[in-house]
Amino acid sequence: MRIYLTMRLILPQIYWISKKVLGCFDALNQTFKSVFI
């Protein structure tokens, strides 16, 4: 039960962080495209 609760706390944070990281990569990608193309 404790493991389940820990997973419920940790997984959303991992998801949120990965979404932020992907968003940053996307923004960088857009910047490079507008600069180099």
Protein backbone atom coordinates (compact mmCIF):
# COMPACT_ATOMS: atom_id res chain seq x y z
CA MET A 1 0.00 0.00 0.00
CA ARG A 2 2.82 2.41 0.84
CA ILE A 3 4.47 1.69 -2.49
CA TYR A 4 1.20 2.46 -4.28
CA LEU A 5 0.87 5.80 -2.49
CA THR A 6 4.48 6.66 -3.27
CA MET A 7 3.94 5.85 -6.94
CA ARG A 8 0.85 8.06 -7.00
CA LEU A 9 2.94 10.92 -5.64
CA ILE A 10 6.01 10.38 -7.81
CA LEU A 11 4.51 9.55 -11.20
CA PRO A 12 2.65 12.87 -11.72
CA GLN A 13 5.84 14.76 -10.87
CA ILE A 14 7.83 12.73 -13.41
CA TYR A 15 5.10 13.34 -15.99
CA TRP A 16 5.03 17.08 -15.26
CA ILE A 17 8.83 17.39 -15.41
CA SER A 18 9.05 15.46 -18.67
CA LYS A 19 6.31 17.67 -20.13
CA LYS A 20 8.27 20.77 -19.14
CA VAL A 21 11.48 19.35 -20.63
CA LEU A 22 9.70 18.43 -23.87
CA GLY A 23 8.19 21.92 -23.99
CA CYS A 24 11.65 23.45 -23.64
CA PHE A 25 13.01 21.25 -26.42
CA ASP A 26 10.07 22.21 -28.62
CA ALA A 27 10.70 25.92 -28.00
CA LEU A 28 14.41 25.49 -28.81
CA ASN A 29 13.49 23.58 -31.96
CA GLN A 30 11.18 26.39 -33.10
CA THR A 31 13.89 28.96 -32.40
CA PHE A 32 16.50 27.06 -34.40
CA LYS A 33 14.08 26.64 -37.31
CA SER A 34 13.25 30.35 -37.41
CA VAL A 35 16.93 31.29 -37.17
CA PHE A 36 18.45 28.85 -39.65
CA ILE A 37 15.69 28.44 -42.23
